[in-house]
Amino acid sequence: MLPILLALAFIAILIIIVIAGRPDEFIVTRAARISAPPEKIFPHVNDLHQWAAWSPWAKLDPNAKNTFTGADAGPGAAMAWVGNNKVGVGQMTITESQPGSLIRFRLDFQKPMPATNTAEFTFRPEGGQTVVTWNMAGKNNLMGKVFGLFMDCEQMVGGQFEKGLASLKSVTEK
């Protein structure tokens, strides 16, 4: 019986060490080239009412309930959502907006896992196109670290960013 308890204690200590060794912060970044000037792409991100046309999460739950508050676009514009288990519950608020170059958001997730992160879109003209970069950064709390042992969050969120950027490209290149 004692060897079994010692083995279980060793495994528990090993798991704690692995979890503690996971990064305290994360960042997910994806970029796409879009054949349109920044001024044409920017409003599709800066006006949260336009996200339904290209957001990957709008496609995961077309029946999600979205509520808009604050400004119509730019700083102070906010969108809260309540959706299925694929999109969860949360709110995003634009905290900074520099026309044609940068939009920064505060993301407050309530479900499936509470978290507060930042997201950012940058728009950089390059050779007749615009490089749009979408990133999200935040802190890995204990639950995030444990979740990361079983799920590749970078790939999961990054894959959604790739789909969203492809959709944004399709919408803005028309």
N, C-alpha and C. Protein backbone atom coordinates (compact mmCIF):
# COMPACT_ATOMS: atom_id res chain seq x y z
N MET A 1 0.83 -1.19 0.00
CA MET A 1 0.00 0.00 0.00
C MET A 1 0.87 1.26 0.00
N LEU A 2 1.95 1.24 0.81
CA LEU A 2 2.84 2.40 0.89
C LEU A 2 3.49 2.71 -0.45
N PRO A 3 3.96 1.70 -1.21
CA PRO A 3 4.56 2.01 -2.52
C PRO A 3 3.56 2.69 -3.47
N ILE A 4 2.29 2.30 -3.39
CA ILE A 4 1.27 2.91 -4.26
C ILE A 4 1.07 4.38 -3.87
N LEU A 5 0.98 4.63 -2.56
CA LEU A 5 0.82 6.01 -2.09
C LEU A 5 2.03 6.87 -2.46
N LEU A 6 3.22 6.32 -2.35
CA LEU A 6 4.43 7.06 -2.73
C LEU A 6 4.44 7.35 -4.23
N ALA A 7 4.02 6.39 -5.03
CA ALA A 7 3.96 6.57 -6.48
C ALA A 7 2.95 7.67 -6.83
N LEU A 8 1.78 7.64 -6.18
CA LEU A 8 0.76 8.66 -6.43
C LEU A 8 1.25 10.04 -6.00
N ALA A 9 1.93 10.12 -4.87
CA ALA A 9 2.47 11.39 -4.41
C ALA A 9 3.53 11.90 -5.39
N PHE A 10 4.38 11.01 -5.88
CA PHE A 10 5.39 11.39 -6.85
C PHE A 10 4.73 11.93 -8.14
N ILE A 11 3.70 11.26 -8.61
CA ILE A 11 2.98 11.70 -9.82
C ILE A 11 2.34 13.06 -9.58
N ALA A 12 1.73 13.25 -8.42
CA ALA A 12 1.09 14.54 -8.10
C ALA A 12 2.13 15.66 -8.07
N ILE A 13 3.28 15.41 -7.47
CA ILE A 13 4.35 16.41 -7.42
C ILE A 13 4.85 16.72 -8.82
N LEU A 14 5.00 15.70 -9.64
CA LEU A 14 5.45 15.88 -11.02
C LEU A 14 4.45 16.74 -11.81
N ILE A 15 3.16 16.49 -11.65
CA ILE A 15 2.13 17.27 -12.34
C ILE A 15 2.18 18.73 -11.87
N ILE A 16 2.34 18.96 -10.59
CA ILE A 16 2.43 20.32 -10.05
C ILE A 16 3.64 21.05 -10.64
N ILE A 17 4.76 20.36 -10.73
CA ILE A 17 5.97 20.96 -11.30
C ILE A 17 5.77 21.32 -12.76
N VAL A 18 5.14 20.42 -13.52
CA VAL A 18 4.89 20.68 -14.95
C VAL A 18 3.95 21.88 -15.10
N ILE A 19 2.88 21.92 -14.32
CA ILE A 19 1.92 23.04 -14.40
C ILE A 19 2.60 24.35 -14.01
N ALA A 20 3.37 24.34 -12.94
CA ALA A 20 4.05 25.56 -12.48
C ALA A 20 5.07 26.05 -13.50
N GLY A 21 5.62 25.13 -14.28
CA GLY A 21 6.62 25.49 -15.29
C GLY A 21 6.04 26.05 -16.57
N ARG A 22 4.72 26.00 -16.72
CA ARG A 22 4.08 26.54 -17.93
C ARG A 22 4.18 28.06 -17.91
N PRO A 23 4.19 28.70 -19.08
CA PRO A 23 4.35 30.16 -19.12
C PRO A 23 3.22 30.89 -18.39
N ASP A 24 3.58 32.02 -17.77
CA ASP A 24 2.60 32.84 -17.05
C ASP A 24 1.78 33.70 -18.01
N GLU A 25 2.30 33.93 -19.21
CA GLU A 25 1.61 34.76 -20.19
C GLU A 25 1.58 34.04 -21.53
N PHE A 26 0.65 34.45 -22.39
CA PHE A 26 0.57 33.87 -23.72
C PHE A 26 0.31 34.98 -24.73
N ILE A 27 0.64 34.69 -25.97
CA ILE A 27 0.27 35.56 -27.08
C ILE A 27 0.02 34.67 -28.29
N VAL A 28 -1.05 34.98 -28.99
CA VAL A 28 -1.40 34.28 -30.22
C VAL A 28 -1.43 35.34 -31.32
N THR A 29 -0.72 35.11 -32.41
CA THR A 29 -0.63 36.10 -33.49
C THR A 29 -0.80 35.42 -34.84
N ARG A 30 -1.59 36.04 -35.69
CA ARG A 30 -1.74 35.60 -37.08
C ARG A 30 -1.80 36.85 -37.95
N ALA A 31 -1.38 36.71 -39.20
CA ALA A 31 -1.40 37.84 -40.13
C ALA A 31 -1.86 37.37 -41.50
N ALA A 32 -2.40 38.30 -42.27
CA ALA A 32 -2.84 38.00 -43.64
C ALA A 32 -2.61 39.23 -44.51
N ARG A 33 -2.34 38.98 -45.77
CA ARG A 33 -2.23 40.07 -46.75
C ARG A 33 -3.58 40.23 -47.42
N ILE A 34 -4.06 41.46 -47.44
CA ILE A 34 -5.36 41.76 -48.04
C ILE A 34 -5.15 42.80 -49.14
N SER A 35 -5.71 42.52 -50.31
CA SER A 35 -5.58 43.43 -51.45
C SER A 35 -6.60 44.56 -51.36
N ALA A 36 -6.39 45.40 -50.39
CA ALA A 36 -7.23 46.58 -50.16
C ALA A 36 -6.43 47.52 -49.28
N PRO A 37 -6.68 48.83 -49.38
CA PRO A 37 -5.95 49.77 -48.51
C PRO A 37 -6.46 49.67 -47.07
N PRO A 38 -5.61 50.06 -46.11
CA PRO A 38 -6.03 50.00 -44.70
C PRO A 38 -7.35 50.72 -44.44
N GLU A 39 -7.58 51.85 -45.11
CA GLU A 39 -8.80 52.64 -44.89
C GLU A 39 -10.07 51.87 -45.25
N LYS A 40 -9.95 50.89 -46.15
CA LYS A 40 -11.12 50.10 -46.53
C LYS A 40 -11.36 48.95 -45.54
N ILE A 41 -10.29 48.42 -44.97
CA ILE A 41 -10.39 47.27 -44.06
C ILE A 41 -10.75 47.72 -42.65
N PHE A 42 -10.14 48.80 -42.22
CA PHE A 42 -10.25 49.31 -40.85
C PHE A 42 -11.69 49.39 -40.33
N PRO A 43 -12.66 49.97 -41.08
CA PRO A 43 -14.02 50.09 -40.55
C PRO A 43 -14.69 48.74 -40.24
N HIS A 44 -14.28 47.69 -40.91
CA HIS A 44 -14.88 46.36 -40.68
C HIS A 44 -14.48 45.79 -39.32
N VAL A 45 -13.40 46.30 -38.76
CA VAL A 45 -12.95 45.87 -37.44
C VAL A 45 -13.33 46.89 -36.38
N ASN A 46 -13.23 48.16 -36.72
CA ASN A 46 -13.47 49.25 -35.78
C ASN A 46 -14.95 49.41 -35.41
N ASP A 47 -15.85 48.95 -36.27
CA ASP A 47 -17.29 48.99 -36.01
C ASP A 47 -17.74 47.56 -35.68
N LEU A 48 -17.99 47.30 -34.41
CA LEU A 48 -18.31 45.95 -33.95
C LEU A 48 -19.58 45.40 -34.59
N HIS A 49 -20.46 46.29 -35.07
CA HIS A 49 -21.68 45.84 -35.76
C HIS A 49 -21.34 45.08 -37.04
N GLN A 50 -20.15 45.33 -37.60
CA GLN A 50 -19.75 44.70 -38.86
C GLN A 50 -19.06 43.35 -38.67
N TRP A 51 -18.79 42.97 -37.43
CA TRP A 51 -18.08 41.71 -37.18
C TRP A 51 -18.86 40.48 -37.63
N ALA A 52 -20.17 40.54 -37.58
CA ALA A 52 -20.98 39.37 -37.96
C ALA A 52 -20.67 38.91 -39.39
N ALA A 53 -20.23 39.82 -40.25
CA ALA A 53 -19.96 39.48 -41.65
C ALA A 53 -18.67 38.68 -41.82
N TRP A 54 -17.76 38.72 -40.84
CA TRP A 54 -16.48 38.04 -41.03
C TRP A 54 -15.94 37.30 -39.80
N SER A 55 -16.48 37.53 -38.64
CA SER A 55 -15.94 36.91 -37.42
C SER A 55 -16.09 35.39 -37.44
N PRO A 56 -15.03 34.66 -37.12
CA PRO A 56 -15.14 33.20 -37.09
C PRO A 56 -16.11 32.72 -36.02
N TRP A 57 -16.28 33.48 -34.94
CA TRP A 57 -17.17 33.06 -33.87
C TRP A 57 -18.63 33.26 -34.25
N ALA A 58 -18.91 34.22 -35.13
CA ALA A 58 -20.29 34.41 -35.61
C ALA A 58 -20.72 33.17 -36.40
N LYS A 59 -19.77 32.53 -37.05
CA LYS A 59 -20.09 31.32 -37.83
C LYS A 59 -20.23 30.10 -36.93
N LEU A 60 -19.51 30.10 -35.80
CA LEU A 60 -19.62 28.97 -34.86
C LEU A 60 -20.96 28.96 -34.14
N ASP A 61 -21.55 30.14 -33.96
CA ASP A 61 -22.87 30.23 -33.34
C ASP A 61 -23.66 31.39 -33.94
N PRO A 62 -24.33 31.12 -35.08
CA PRO A 62 -25.09 32.19 -35.72
C PRO A 62 -26.26 32.68 -34.86
N ASN A 63 -26.64 31.93 -33.83
CA ASN A 63 -27.75 32.31 -32.97
C ASN A 63 -27.31 33.01 -31.68
N ALA A 64 -26.02 33.30 -31.57
CA ALA A 64 -25.52 34.00 -30.37
C ALA A 64 -26.25 35.34 -30.25
N LYS A 65 -26.50 35.74 -29.03
CA LYS A 65 -27.14 37.03 -28.74
C LYS A 65 -26.05 38.07 -28.51
N ASN A 66 -26.02 39.08 -29.38
CA ASN A 66 -25.05 40.17 -29.26
C ASN A 66 -25.75 41.43 -28.81
N THR A 67 -25.12 42.14 -27.88
CA THR A 67 -25.64 43.41 -27.38
C THR A 67 -24.55 44.45 -27.55
N PHE A 68 -24.90 45.59 -28.17
CA PHE A 68 -23.94 46.65 -28.43
C PHE A 68 -24.21 47.82 -27.48
N THR A 69 -23.14 48.36 -26.90
CA THR A 69 -23.26 49.52 -26.02
C THR A 69 -22.12 50.48 -26.31
N GLY A 70 -22.23 51.68 -25.76
CA GLY A 70 -21.18 52.67 -25.92
C GLY A 70 -21.22 53.32 -27.29
N ALA A 71 -20.06 53.75 -27.74
CA ALA A 71 -19.94 54.43 -29.03
C ALA A 71 -20.33 53.49 -30.17
N ASP A 72 -20.67 54.07 -31.33
CA ASP A 72 -21.00 53.25 -32.49
C ASP A 72 -19.77 52.51 -33.01
N ALA A 73 -18.61 53.15 -32.92
CA ALA A 73 -17.35 52.57 -33.38
C ALA A 73 -16.22 53.24 -32.62
N GLY A 74 -15.06 52.62 -32.66
CA GLY A 74 -13.89 53.21 -32.01
C GLY A 74 -13.92 53.07 -30.49
N PRO A 75 -13.07 53.85 -29.80
CA PRO A 75 -12.95 53.72 -28.34
C PRO A 75 -14.30 53.85 -27.64
N GLY A 76 -14.54 52.92 -26.74
CA GLY A 76 -15.80 52.91 -25.99
C GLY A 76 -16.87 52.03 -26.60
N ALA A 77 -16.71 51.65 -27.87
CA ALA A 77 -17.67 50.73 -28.48
C ALA A 77 -17.49 49.36 -27.84
N ALA A 78 -18.61 48.72 -27.49
CA ALA A 78 -18.53 47.42 -26.82
C ALA A 78 -19.58 46.47 -27.38
N MET A 79 -19.24 45.20 -27.37
CA MET A 79 -20.17 44.16 -27.77
C MET A 79 -20.09 43.03 -26.75
N ALA A 80 -21.25 42.70 -26.18
CA ALA A 80 -21.33 41.55 -25.28
C ALA A 80 -22.01 40.43 -26.05
N TRP A 81 -21.67 39.19 -25.74
CA TRP A 81 -22.28 38.06 -26.42
C TRP A 81 -22.61 36.96 -25.44
N VAL A 82 -23.65 36.22 -25.77
CA VAL A 82 -24.03 35.01 -25.05
C VAL A 82 -24.28 33.98 -26.14
N GLY A 83 -23.49 32.93 -26.13
CA GLY A 83 -23.60 31.94 -27.20
C GLY A 83 -23.53 30.53 -26.69
N ASN A 84 -23.40 29.62 -27.64
CA ASN A 84 -23.30 28.20 -27.30
C ASN A 84 -21.94 27.91 -26.65
N ASN A 85 -21.66 26.64 -26.42
CA ASN A 85 -20.41 26.29 -25.73
C ASN A 85 -19.17 26.55 -26.58
N LYS A 86 -19.34 26.81 -27.88
CA LYS A 86 -18.19 27.10 -28.73
C LYS A 86 -17.76 28.57 -28.65
N VAL A 87 -18.70 29.46 -28.31
CA VAL A 87 -18.36 30.89 -28.23
C VAL A 87 -18.46 31.44 -26.82
N GLY A 88 -19.20 30.80 -25.95
CA GLY A 88 -19.26 31.20 -24.56
C GLY A 88 -19.99 32.50 -24.31
N VAL A 89 -19.56 33.18 -23.23
CA VAL A 89 -20.17 34.43 -22.79
C VAL A 89 -19.03 35.41 -22.52
N GLY A 90 -19.21 36.64 -22.97
CA GLY A 90 -18.17 37.63 -22.71
C GLY A 90 -18.50 38.99 -23.29
N GLN A 91 -17.50 39.85 -23.27
CA GLN A 91 -17.66 41.20 -23.81
C GLN A 91 -16.31 41.68 -24.32
N MET A 92 -16.35 42.43 -25.43
CA MET A 92 -15.13 43.09 -25.89
C MET A 92 -15.42 44.58 -26.04
N THR A 93 -14.42 45.36 -25.67
CA THR A 93 -14.53 46.82 -25.70
C THR A 93 -13.31 47.38 -26.40
N ILE A 94 -13.55 48.28 -27.35
CA ILE A 94 -12.43 48.94 -28.03
C ILE A 94 -11.85 49.98 -27.07
N THR A 95 -10.56 49.85 -26.79
CA THR A 95 -9.90 50.75 -25.86
C THR A 95 -9.03 51.78 -26.57
N GLU A 96 -8.62 51.47 -27.81
CA GLU A 96 -7.79 52.40 -28.57
C GLU A 96 -8.05 52.17 -30.04
N SER A 97 -8.09 53.27 -30.79
CA SER A 97 -8.34 53.19 -32.22
C SER A 97 -7.59 54.30 -32.93
N GLN A 98 -6.65 53.90 -33.78
CA GLN A 98 -5.89 54.86 -34.58
C GLN A 98 -6.23 54.57 -36.04
N PRO A 99 -7.04 55.44 -36.65
CA PRO A 99 -7.56 55.18 -38.00
C PRO A 99 -6.52 54.65 -38.98
N GLY A 100 -6.86 53.52 -39.59
CA GLY A 100 -6.01 52.91 -40.60
C GLY A 100 -4.78 52.21 -40.11
N SER A 101 -4.54 52.19 -38.77
CA SER A 101 -3.30 51.55 -38.32
C SER A 101 -3.44 50.60 -37.13
N LEU A 102 -4.33 50.89 -36.14
CA LEU A 102 -4.37 50.07 -34.93
C LEU A 102 -5.74 50.11 -34.28
N ILE A 103 -6.18 48.96 -33.79
CA ILE A 103 -7.38 48.87 -32.95
C ILE A 103 -7.02 47.91 -31.81
N ARG A 104 -7.24 48.36 -30.57
CA ARG A 104 -6.94 47.54 -29.40
C ARG A 104 -8.22 47.30 -28.61
N PHE A 105 -8.38 46.09 -28.09
CA PHE A 105 -9.58 45.67 -27.38
C PHE A 105 -9.24 45.13 -26.00
N ARG A 106 -10.19 45.26 -25.12
CA ARG A 106 -10.17 44.53 -23.85
C ARG A 106 -11.21 43.42 -24.01
N LEU A 107 -10.79 42.19 -23.76
CA LEU A 107 -11.69 41.04 -23.86
C LEU A 107 -11.96 40.50 -22.46
N ASP A 108 -13.22 40.45 -22.09
CA ASP A 108 -13.60 39.90 -20.80
C ASP A 108 -14.45 38.66 -21.04
N PHE A 109 -13.86 37.50 -20.79
CA PHE A 109 -14.56 36.23 -20.96
C PHE A 109 -15.15 35.80 -19.62
N GLN A 110 -16.39 35.32 -19.65
CA GLN A 110 -17.03 34.80 -18.44
C GLN A 110 -17.17 33.28 -18.51
N LYS A 111 -17.52 32.78 -19.70
CA LYS A 111 -17.66 31.33 -19.92
C LYS A 111 -17.03 31.00 -21.25
N PRO A 112 -16.41 29.89 -21.43
CA PRO A 112 -16.36 28.75 -20.53
C PRO A 112 -15.38 28.93 -19.37
N MET A 113 -14.45 29.91 -19.49
CA MET A 113 -13.47 30.10 -18.44
C MET A 113 -13.25 31.60 -18.26
N PRO A 114 -13.41 32.11 -17.05
CA PRO A 114 -13.20 33.55 -16.82
C PRO A 114 -11.76 33.96 -17.15
N ALA A 115 -11.63 35.07 -17.89
CA ALA A 115 -10.31 35.60 -18.23
C ALA A 115 -10.47 37.01 -18.78
N THR A 116 -9.44 37.80 -18.62
CA THR A 116 -9.39 39.12 -19.24
C THR A 116 -8.11 39.16 -20.06
N ASN A 117 -8.26 39.44 -21.35
CA ASN A 117 -7.14 39.48 -22.27
C ASN A 117 -7.19 40.77 -23.08
N THR A 118 -6.14 41.02 -23.83
CA THR A 118 -6.16 42.12 -24.77
C THR A 118 -6.01 41.54 -26.18
N ALA A 119 -6.64 42.21 -27.13
CA ALA A 119 -6.50 41.83 -28.54
C ALA A 119 -6.15 43.08 -29.31
N GLU A 120 -5.53 42.88 -30.46
CA GLU A 120 -5.08 44.02 -31.23
C GLU A 120 -5.07 43.67 -32.71
N PHE A 121 -5.50 44.60 -33.51
CA PHE A 121 -5.38 44.51 -34.96
C PHE A 121 -4.46 45.64 -35.41
N THR A 122 -3.48 45.31 -36.25
CA THR A 122 -2.67 46.34 -36.87
C THR A 122 -2.82 46.23 -38.38
N PHE A 123 -2.72 47.36 -39.04
CA PHE A 123 -2.91 47.45 -40.49
C PHE A 123 -1.67 48.15 -41.05
N ARG A 124 -0.89 47.42 -41.87
CA ARG A 124 0.35 47.96 -42.40
C ARG A 124 0.36 47.86 -43.93
N PRO A 125 0.36 49.01 -44.63
CA PRO A 125 0.42 48.97 -46.09
C PRO A 125 1.76 48.37 -46.54
N GLU A 126 1.68 47.51 -47.56
CA GLU A 126 2.90 46.89 -48.06
C GLU A 126 2.69 46.45 -49.50
N GLY A 127 3.37 47.10 -50.41
CA GLY A 127 3.33 46.69 -51.82
C GLY A 127 1.94 46.65 -52.42
N GLY A 128 1.12 47.65 -52.20
CA GLY A 128 -0.22 47.68 -52.78
C GLY A 128 -1.23 46.82 -52.03
N GLN A 129 -0.82 46.21 -50.96
CA GLN A 129 -1.71 45.41 -50.11
C GLN A 129 -1.61 45.93 -48.68
N THR A 130 -2.40 45.32 -47.81
CA THR A 130 -2.32 45.65 -46.39
C THR A 130 -2.06 44.36 -45.62
N VAL A 131 -1.06 44.38 -44.77
CA VAL A 131 -0.82 43.25 -43.87
C VAL A 131 -1.62 43.54 -42.61
N VAL A 132 -2.61 42.68 -42.36
CA VAL A 132 -3.44 42.80 -41.16
C VAL A 132 -2.95 41.75 -40.17
N THR A 133 -2.57 42.21 -38.99
CA THR A 133 -2.11 41.30 -37.93
C THR A 133 -3.10 41.34 -36.79
N TRP A 134 -3.50 40.15 -36.33
CA TRP A 134 -4.46 40.00 -35.24
C TRP A 134 -3.75 39.25 -34.13
N ASN A 135 -3.71 39.83 -32.95
CA ASN A 135 -3.12 39.08 -31.84
C ASN A 135 -3.96 39.21 -30.58
N MET A 136 -3.77 38.26 -29.71
CA MET A 136 -4.42 38.25 -28.40
C MET A 136 -3.36 37.85 -27.39
N ALA A 137 -3.33 38.57 -26.27
CA ALA A 137 -2.36 38.28 -25.22
C ALA A 137 -3.06 38.30 -23.88
N GLY A 138 -2.51 37.54 -22.95
CA GLY A 138 -3.09 37.52 -21.61
C GLY A 138 -2.24 36.72 -20.65
N LYS A 139 -2.75 36.58 -19.47
CA LYS A 139 -2.06 35.84 -18.42
C LYS A 139 -2.63 34.42 -18.37
N ASN A 140 -1.76 33.48 -18.12
CA ASN A 140 -2.16 32.09 -17.92
C ASN A 140 -2.35 31.86 -16.42
N ASN A 141 -3.61 31.84 -15.96
CA ASN A 141 -3.84 31.51 -14.56
C ASN A 141 -3.72 30.00 -14.38
N LEU A 142 -3.94 29.52 -13.20
CA LEU A 142 -3.78 28.09 -12.92
C LEU A 142 -4.65 27.24 -13.85
N MET A 143 -5.92 27.63 -14.01
CA MET A 143 -6.81 26.85 -14.88
C MET A 143 -6.34 26.89 -16.33
N GLY A 144 -5.83 28.04 -16.78
CA GLY A 144 -5.30 28.15 -18.14
C GLY A 144 -4.11 27.24 -18.35
N LYS A 145 -3.26 27.15 -17.34
CA LYS A 145 -2.09 26.28 -17.43
C LYS A 145 -2.50 24.81 -17.48
N VAL A 146 -3.47 24.44 -16.66
CA VAL A 146 -3.95 23.06 -16.66
C VAL A 146 -4.62 22.74 -18.00
N PHE A 147 -5.48 23.65 -18.47
CA PHE A 147 -6.16 23.47 -19.76
C PHE A 147 -5.14 23.30 -20.88
N GLY A 148 -4.05 24.08 -20.81
CA GLY A 148 -3.01 24.03 -21.83
C GLY A 148 -2.27 22.70 -21.88
N LEU A 149 -2.35 21.91 -20.82
CA LEU A 149 -1.73 20.58 -20.84
C LEU A 149 -2.46 19.63 -21.79
N PHE A 150 -3.75 19.88 -21.97
CA PHE A 150 -4.58 18.96 -22.75
C PHE A 150 -5.02 19.53 -24.10
N MET A 151 -5.03 20.85 -24.22
CA MET A 151 -5.47 21.50 -25.45
C MET A 151 -4.38 22.46 -25.93
N ASP A 152 -4.14 22.50 -27.24
CA ASP A 152 -3.19 23.45 -27.80
C ASP A 152 -3.94 24.74 -28.08
N CYS A 153 -3.99 25.62 -27.08
CA CYS A 153 -4.75 26.87 -27.19
C CYS A 153 -4.22 27.77 -28.29
N GLU A 154 -2.89 27.79 -28.46
CA GLU A 154 -2.30 28.63 -29.51
C GLU A 154 -2.84 28.20 -30.87
N GLN A 155 -2.87 26.92 -31.12
CA GLN A 155 -3.36 26.41 -32.40
C GLN A 155 -4.88 26.59 -32.52
N MET A 156 -5.59 26.37 -31.42
CA MET A 156 -7.05 26.48 -31.44
C MET A 156 -7.47 27.93 -31.73
N VAL A 157 -6.96 28.88 -30.97
CA VAL A 157 -7.31 30.29 -31.18
C VAL A 157 -6.69 30.78 -32.48
N GLY A 158 -5.45 30.39 -32.74
CA GLY A 158 -4.79 30.80 -33.98
C GLY A 158 -5.56 30.34 -35.21
N GLY A 159 -6.12 29.14 -35.16
CA GLY A 159 -6.92 28.64 -36.28
C GLY A 159 -8.15 29.49 -36.51
N GLN A 160 -8.77 29.96 -35.42
CA GLN A 160 -9.93 30.85 -35.56
C GLN A 160 -9.50 32.20 -36.13
N PHE A 161 -8.35 32.69 -35.70
CA PHE A 161 -7.83 33.95 -36.25
C PHE A 161 -7.61 33.81 -37.76
N GLU A 162 -7.03 32.68 -38.18
CA GLU A 162 -6.78 32.45 -39.61
C GLU A 162 -8.10 32.46 -40.39
N LYS A 163 -9.11 31.80 -39.86
CA LYS A 163 -10.42 31.80 -40.53
C LYS A 163 -11.01 33.21 -40.58
N GLY A 164 -10.90 33.95 -39.49
CA GLY A 164 -11.42 35.31 -39.44
C GLY A 164 -10.72 36.23 -40.42
N LEU A 165 -9.40 36.12 -40.49
CA LEU A 165 -8.65 36.96 -41.43
C LEU A 165 -8.99 36.61 -42.87
N ALA A 166 -9.18 35.33 -43.16
CA ALA A 166 -9.57 34.92 -44.52
C ALA A 166 -10.95 35.48 -44.86
N SER A 167 -11.84 35.46 -43.90
CA SER A 167 -13.18 36.02 -44.09
C SER A 167 -13.14 37.53 -44.27
N LEU A 168 -12.32 38.20 -43.44
CA LEU A 168 -12.16 39.65 -43.57
C LEU A 168 -11.59 40.00 -44.94
N LYS A 169 -10.67 39.20 -45.41
CA LYS A 169 -10.08 39.38 -46.75
C LYS A 169 -11.16 39.26 -47.82
N SER A 170 -11.99 38.24 -47.69
CA SER A 170 -13.07 38.03 -48.66
C SER A 170 -14.05 39.20 -48.67
N VAL A 171 -14.42 39.67 -47.49
CA VAL A 171 -15.38 40.78 -47.37
C VAL A 171 -14.80 42.08 -47.93
N THR A 172 -13.54 42.34 -47.65
CA THR A 172 -12.97 43.65 -48.01
C THR A 172 -12.39 43.69 -49.43
N GLU A 173 -12.14 42.55 -50.03
CA GLU A 173 -11.61 42.55 -51.40
C GLU A 173 -12.71 42.57 -52.45
N LYS A 174 -13.96 42.53 -52.03
CA LYS A 174 -15.08 42.54 -52.99
C LYS A 174 -15.13 43.86 -53.74
